[in-house]
Amino acid sequence: MDKTIYEQMLLKNYKGAEGAEEAWDARANHFYKSQQRGRSELVEKVTAILQERGLLAGADLLDIGGGSGRYAVPFAAHAEHVTITDISANMLELARRNAQEAGVTNLTYAKLEWTGADLAAWQWRKRFDLVFASMCPAIRSPEGLYKMLEAAKGFCLINQYIEATDSLSAYLTQVLDPPRSYEPHNDRDMVQAVFNLLWLEGYEPEICYLRQREVTSFTVEGAVEQYGGRYHQAAQLKRMDLAELISRHAGQVTFSVDSKATLAMILWKV
């Protein structure tokens, strides 16, 4: 079977590296606050699964596009060493802060763009026991995916959300009807493309699905900060105030948002 169809499927929403450093530097703090609000249970589940499989103890691990260390820091509590990469210096600074607060010191920080990284120069060819990437834009390209294989001597793991919905998003989408756009946390095609590309390369990838439901408390101000990036422009086009819209839905200063998410873990031995 021709793998071109799956490479094109993987590339469908790949934006490349141009402008990415500036964009992630600018949104680092907001992104970090957003991550802190929820889904930590899934991080714990992923960590527990890797522990049960014996893939963390004594491991030299690479986290590609690891951002603020959401996974790298808890992994480091069990691994021999973790190298975390990111295109954003601001993200890596947050990772350093999180590692310090967690009391883990066995991390190395590397600022780089993954698809253009010279693995030989970094001495990373076939070095790592586990190469990991969670929701990393660079892996949405065949080059980024295949480079994981070059760096690994043991296993690779990709985390990709295939569903992430919540009650406030559903309400705002219904009222504002924003233009449809790519939602990286609702990307089933990426999982299909990665699995088939690996299969056609002769690997035997496993897929595990982790599901989570949670209730998160927001103030109206906090919800505007969290959801503004997705809905502010749509509200402006309809001449509506996003804060007033959320306040009307909430009915009180502090309110709850119900959410559910499904995370696909794609694990394979190189």
Protein backbone atom coordinates (compact mmCIF):
# COMPACT_ATOMS: atom_id res chain seq x y z
CA MET A 1 0.00 0.00 0.00
CA ASP A 2 1.25 3.48 -0.88
CA LYS A 3 2.07 5.39 2.30
CA THR A 4 1.75 8.76 0.50
CA ILE A 5 -1.93 8.99 1.42
CA TYR A 6 -1.08 8.77 5.12
CA GLU A 7 1.81 11.22 4.85
CA GLN A 8 -0.58 13.69 3.25
CA MET A 9 -3.13 13.00 5.97
CA LEU A 10 -0.48 13.73 8.60
CA LEU A 11 0.59 16.93 6.82
CA LYS A 12 -2.97 18.19 6.39
CA ASN A 13 -2.81 20.44 9.46
CA TYR A 14 0.97 20.92 9.69
CA LYS A 15 1.85 24.62 9.67
CA GLY A 16 5.64 24.35 9.66
CA ALA A 17 8.08 26.10 11.96
CA GLU A 18 7.95 29.62 10.53
CA GLY A 19 6.74 32.02 13.21
CA ALA A 20 6.28 29.22 15.74
CA GLU A 21 8.99 30.40 18.13
CA GLU A 22 7.53 33.89 18.42
CA ALA A 23 3.99 32.55 18.73
CA TRP A 24 4.82 30.10 21.52
CA ASP A 25 6.96 32.63 23.37
CA ALA A 26 4.03 35.04 23.32
CA ARG A 27 1.45 32.55 24.55
CA ALA A 28 3.64 30.57 26.97
CA ASN A 29 2.17 31.97 30.19
CA HIS A 30 -1.43 31.74 28.99
CA PHE A 31 -0.89 28.20 27.72
CA TYR A 32 0.69 27.19 31.02
CA LYS A 33 -2.24 28.59 33.04
CA SER A 34 -4.64 26.75 30.76
CA GLN A 35 -2.82 23.46 31.33
CA GLN A 36 -2.83 23.97 35.08
CA ARG A 37 -6.62 24.10 35.13
CA GLY A 38 -7.18 20.45 34.32
CA ARG A 39 -6.41 17.03 32.87
CA SER A 40 -3.64 16.30 35.38
CA GLU A 41 -5.32 12.95 35.94
CA LEU A 42 -4.37 11.90 32.41
CA VAL A 43 -0.74 12.86 33.03
CA GLU A 44 -0.79 10.62 36.08
CA LYS A 45 -2.36 7.78 34.09
CA VAL A 46 0.23 8.03 31.31
CA THR A 47 3.04 8.05 33.87
CA ALA A 48 1.57 5.02 35.66
CA ILE A 49 1.24 3.05 32.40
CA LEU A 50 4.87 3.72 31.51
CA GLN A 51 5.95 2.67 34.99
CA GLU A 52 3.95 -0.55 34.72
CA ARG A 53 5.58 -1.30 31.36
CA GLY A 54 9.03 -0.73 32.85
CA LEU A 55 9.75 2.15 30.47
CA LEU A 56 10.69 4.81 33.03
CA ALA A 57 12.92 3.24 35.68
CA GLY A 58 16.55 3.78 34.72
CA ALA A 59 15.54 5.27 31.36
CA ASP A 60 17.22 8.01 29.35
CA LEU A 61 14.17 9.81 27.95
CA LEU A 62 13.59 12.50 25.32
CA ASP A 63 10.47 14.70 25.46
CA ILE A 64 9.97 16.51 22.13
CA GLY A 65 8.13 19.82 22.28
CA GLY A 66 7.72 19.30 26.00
CA GLY A 67 6.71 22.88 26.74
CA SER A 68 6.47 23.69 30.42
CA GLY A 69 7.35 20.16 31.49
CA ARG A 70 3.83 18.86 31.95
CA TYR A 71 5.07 15.32 31.33
CA ALA A 72 8.84 15.72 31.59
CA VAL A 73 8.79 16.70 35.26
CA PRO A 74 6.70 13.74 36.51
CA PHE A 75 8.67 11.41 34.20
CA ALA A 76 11.91 12.70 35.74
CA ALA A 77 10.74 11.59 39.17
CA HIS A 78 11.10 7.98 37.94
CA ALA A 79 13.58 8.07 35.03
CA GLU A 80 17.36 8.21 35.10
CA HIS A 81 17.41 11.35 32.97
CA VAL A 82 15.00 13.42 30.87
CA THR A 83 15.93 15.75 28.03
CA ILE A 84 13.15 18.20 27.21
CA THR A 85 13.13 20.15 23.97
CA ASP A 86 11.02 23.06 22.83
CA ILE A 87 11.12 25.76 20.19
CA SER A 88 10.21 28.37 22.84
CA ALA A 89 12.69 29.68 25.40
CA ASN A 90 9.79 30.93 27.51
CA MET A 91 8.27 27.47 27.64
CA LEU A 92 11.57 25.95 28.71
CA GLU A 93 11.91 28.56 31.44
CA LEU A 94 8.53 27.45 32.79
CA ALA A 95 9.77 23.85 32.66
CA ARG A 96 12.83 24.80 34.71
CA ARG A 97 10.60 26.50 37.26
CA ASN A 98 8.30 23.48 37.49
CA ALA A 99 11.23 21.09 37.90
CA GLN A 100 12.66 23.25 40.67
CA GLU A 101 9.31 23.36 42.47
CA ALA A 102 8.99 19.56 42.14
CA GLY A 103 12.53 19.04 43.44
CA VAL A 104 13.77 17.12 40.39
CA THR A 105 17.22 17.90 39.01
CA ASN A 106 17.78 15.19 36.39
CA LEU A 107 16.57 17.23 33.42
CA THR A 108 18.41 18.81 30.49
CA TYR A 109 16.78 21.60 28.48
CA ALA A 110 17.34 21.99 24.73
CA LYS A 111 15.91 24.87 22.71
CA LEU A 112 15.44 23.64 19.15
CA GLU A 113 13.02 23.14 16.27
CA TRP A 114 12.57 19.39 16.03
CA THR A 115 12.20 18.81 12.29
CA GLY A 116 15.38 20.80 11.60
CA ALA A 117 17.43 19.43 14.49
CA ASP A 118 20.77 17.79 13.64
CA LEU A 119 20.62 14.62 15.73
CA ALA A 120 24.23 13.75 14.97
CA ALA A 121 25.41 17.13 16.23
CA TRP A 122 23.38 16.68 19.42
CA GLN A 123 24.71 13.11 19.71
CA TRP A 124 21.14 11.87 19.87
CA ARG A 125 21.14 9.15 17.20
CA LYS A 126 19.80 5.92 18.73
CA ARG A 127 20.50 7.32 22.18
CA PHE A 128 17.20 7.32 24.06
CA ASP A 129 15.36 4.47 25.73
CA LEU A 130 12.08 6.30 25.21
CA VAL A 131 11.30 9.13 22.79
CA PHE A 132 8.07 10.88 23.72
CA ALA A 133 5.90 13.57 22.15
CA SER A 134 2.53 14.82 23.38
CA MET A 135 0.44 17.06 21.12
CA CYS A 136 3.63 18.29 19.47
CA PRO A 137 3.02 20.23 16.21
CA ALA A 138 6.37 19.08 14.77
CA ILE A 139 5.21 15.45 14.84
CA ARG A 140 2.36 16.31 12.48
CA SER A 141 4.82 15.87 9.63
CA PRO A 142 6.46 12.70 8.29
CA GLU A 143 9.88 14.25 8.87
CA GLY A 144 9.11 14.90 12.52
CA LEU A 145 7.68 11.41 13.00
CA TYR A 146 10.55 9.58 11.32
CA LYS A 147 13.09 11.61 13.28
CA MET A 148 11.67 10.08 16.46
CA LEU A 149 12.77 6.70 15.10
CA GLU A 150 16.29 8.01 14.54
CA ALA A 151 16.62 9.18 18.15
CA ALA A 152 15.19 6.07 19.81
CA LYS A 153 16.96 2.85 20.69
CA GLY A 154 14.05 1.43 22.68
CA PHE A 155 10.51 2.75 22.40
CA CYS A 156 8.57 5.73 21.08
CA LEU A 157 5.31 7.14 22.41
CA ILE A 158 3.01 9.75 20.89
CA ASN A 159 0.08 11.22 22.81
CA GLN A 160 -2.75 12.71 20.76
CA TYR A 161 -6.18 13.87 21.90
CA ILE A 162 -8.94 12.58 19.65
CA GLU A 163 -11.75 14.21 21.61
CA ALA A 164 -11.93 17.19 23.93
CA THR A 165 -15.29 18.85 24.52
CA ASP A 166 -16.90 20.87 27.28
CA SER A 167 -20.22 22.46 28.14
CA LEU A 168 -19.10 26.09 27.76
CA SER A 169 -17.52 25.50 24.35
CA ALA A 170 -20.71 23.81 23.20
CA TYR A 171 -22.77 26.80 24.32
CA LEU A 172 -20.47 29.41 22.76
CA THR A 173 -20.27 27.47 19.50
CA GLN A 174 -24.05 27.24 19.32
CA VAL A 175 -24.55 30.96 19.98
CA LEU A 176 -21.64 32.41 18.02
CA ASP A 177 -21.32 29.83 15.22
CA PRO A 178 -17.62 30.59 14.64
CA PRO A 179 -15.95 29.53 11.38
CA ARG A 180 -14.83 25.92 11.49
CA SER A 181 -11.11 25.54 12.05
CA TYR A 182 -8.64 22.81 12.91
CA GLU A 183 -8.91 21.68 16.52
CA PRO A 184 -5.71 19.84 17.53
CA HIS A 185 -7.48 18.23 20.50
CA ASN A 186 -10.08 16.64 18.21
CA ASP A 187 -7.80 15.03 15.64
CA ARG A 188 -8.57 11.39 14.89
CA ASP A 189 -6.88 11.59 11.48
CA MET A 190 -3.48 12.17 13.06
CA VAL A 191 -3.74 8.91 15.00
CA GLN A 192 -4.87 7.01 11.91
CA ALA A 193 -2.02 8.46 9.83
CA VAL A 194 0.68 7.73 12.42
CA PHE A 195 -0.51 4.18 13.02
CA ASN A 196 -0.63 3.33 9.32
CA LEU A 197 2.72 4.93 8.53
CA LEU A 198 4.39 2.97 11.32
CA TRP A 199 2.63 -0.22 10.25
CA LEU A 200 3.79 0.21 6.67
CA GLU A 201 7.34 0.79 7.94
CA GLY A 202 7.22 -2.61 9.62
CA TYR A 203 6.58 -1.53 13.22
CA GLU A 204 3.85 -2.90 15.48
CA PRO A 205 2.28 0.12 17.19
CA GLU A 206 -0.13 -0.31 20.09
CA ILE A 207 -2.91 2.16 20.81
CA CYS A 208 -4.33 2.70 24.28
CA TYR A 209 -7.22 5.11 24.91
CA LEU A 210 -7.49 7.04 28.15
CA ARG A 211 -10.76 8.78 28.98
CA GLN A 212 -11.47 11.47 31.51
CA ARG A 213 -14.45 13.47 32.66
CA GLU A 214 -14.02 16.40 34.99
CA VAL A 215 -15.76 19.46 36.36
CA THR A 216 -13.75 22.69 36.47
CA SER A 217 -14.72 25.85 38.34
CA PHE A 218 -14.34 29.17 36.56
CA THR A 219 -14.96 32.80 37.27
CA VAL A 220 -16.36 34.76 34.35
CA GLU A 221 -13.03 36.58 34.08
CA GLY A 222 -11.12 33.30 34.06
CA ALA A 223 -13.42 31.84 31.42
CA VAL A 224 -12.93 34.87 29.18
CA GLU A 225 -9.18 34.40 29.48
CA GLN A 226 -9.45 30.67 28.76
CA TYR A 227 -11.90 30.83 25.86
CA GLY A 228 -11.15 34.26 24.41
CA GLY A 229 -8.63 32.97 21.89
CA ARG A 230 -11.27 30.77 20.26
CA TYR A 231 -14.36 32.95 20.56
CA HIS A 232 -13.43 36.63 20.93
CA GLN A 233 -13.34 37.35 17.20
CA ALA A 234 -16.61 35.51 16.58
CA ALA A 235 -18.25 37.54 19.36
CA GLN A 236 -16.97 40.78 17.83
CA LEU A 237 -18.34 39.84 14.41
CA LYS A 238 -21.77 39.35 15.97
CA ARG A 239 -21.35 42.55 18.01
CA MET A 240 -21.63 40.63 21.25
CA ASP A 241 -19.55 40.97 24.39
CA LEU A 242 -17.93 37.65 25.27
CA ALA A 243 -17.85 38.38 29.01
CA GLU A 244 -21.56 39.24 29.02
CA LEU A 245 -22.34 36.12 27.02
CA ILE A 246 -20.45 33.89 29.44
CA SER A 247 -21.94 35.68 32.44
CA ARG A 248 -25.45 35.12 31.09
CA HIS A 249 -24.69 31.42 30.66
CA ALA A 250 -23.06 31.12 34.09
CA GLY A 251 -25.75 32.88 36.07
CA GLN A 252 -23.29 33.52 38.90
CA VAL A 253 -19.77 34.75 39.55
CA THR A 254 -18.29 31.26 39.87
CA PHE A 255 -19.65 28.42 37.78
CA SER A 256 -18.79 24.89 36.67
CA VAL A 257 -17.81 23.61 33.24
CA ASP A 258 -18.26 19.90 32.47
CA SER A 259 -15.66 18.45 30.12
CA LYS A 260 -14.61 15.12 28.68
CA ALA A 261 -11.48 14.09 26.84
CA THR A 262 -10.08 11.01 25.13
CA LEU A 263 -6.32 10.64 24.76
CA ALA A 264 -4.78 8.14 22.36
CA MET A 265 -1.37 6.73 23.34
CA ILE A 266 0.53 5.29 20.37
CA LEU A 267 3.43 3.17 21.64
CA TRP A 268 5.87 1.14 19.57
CA LYS A 269 9.25 -0.56 19.86
CA VAL A 270 11.90 0.53 17.36
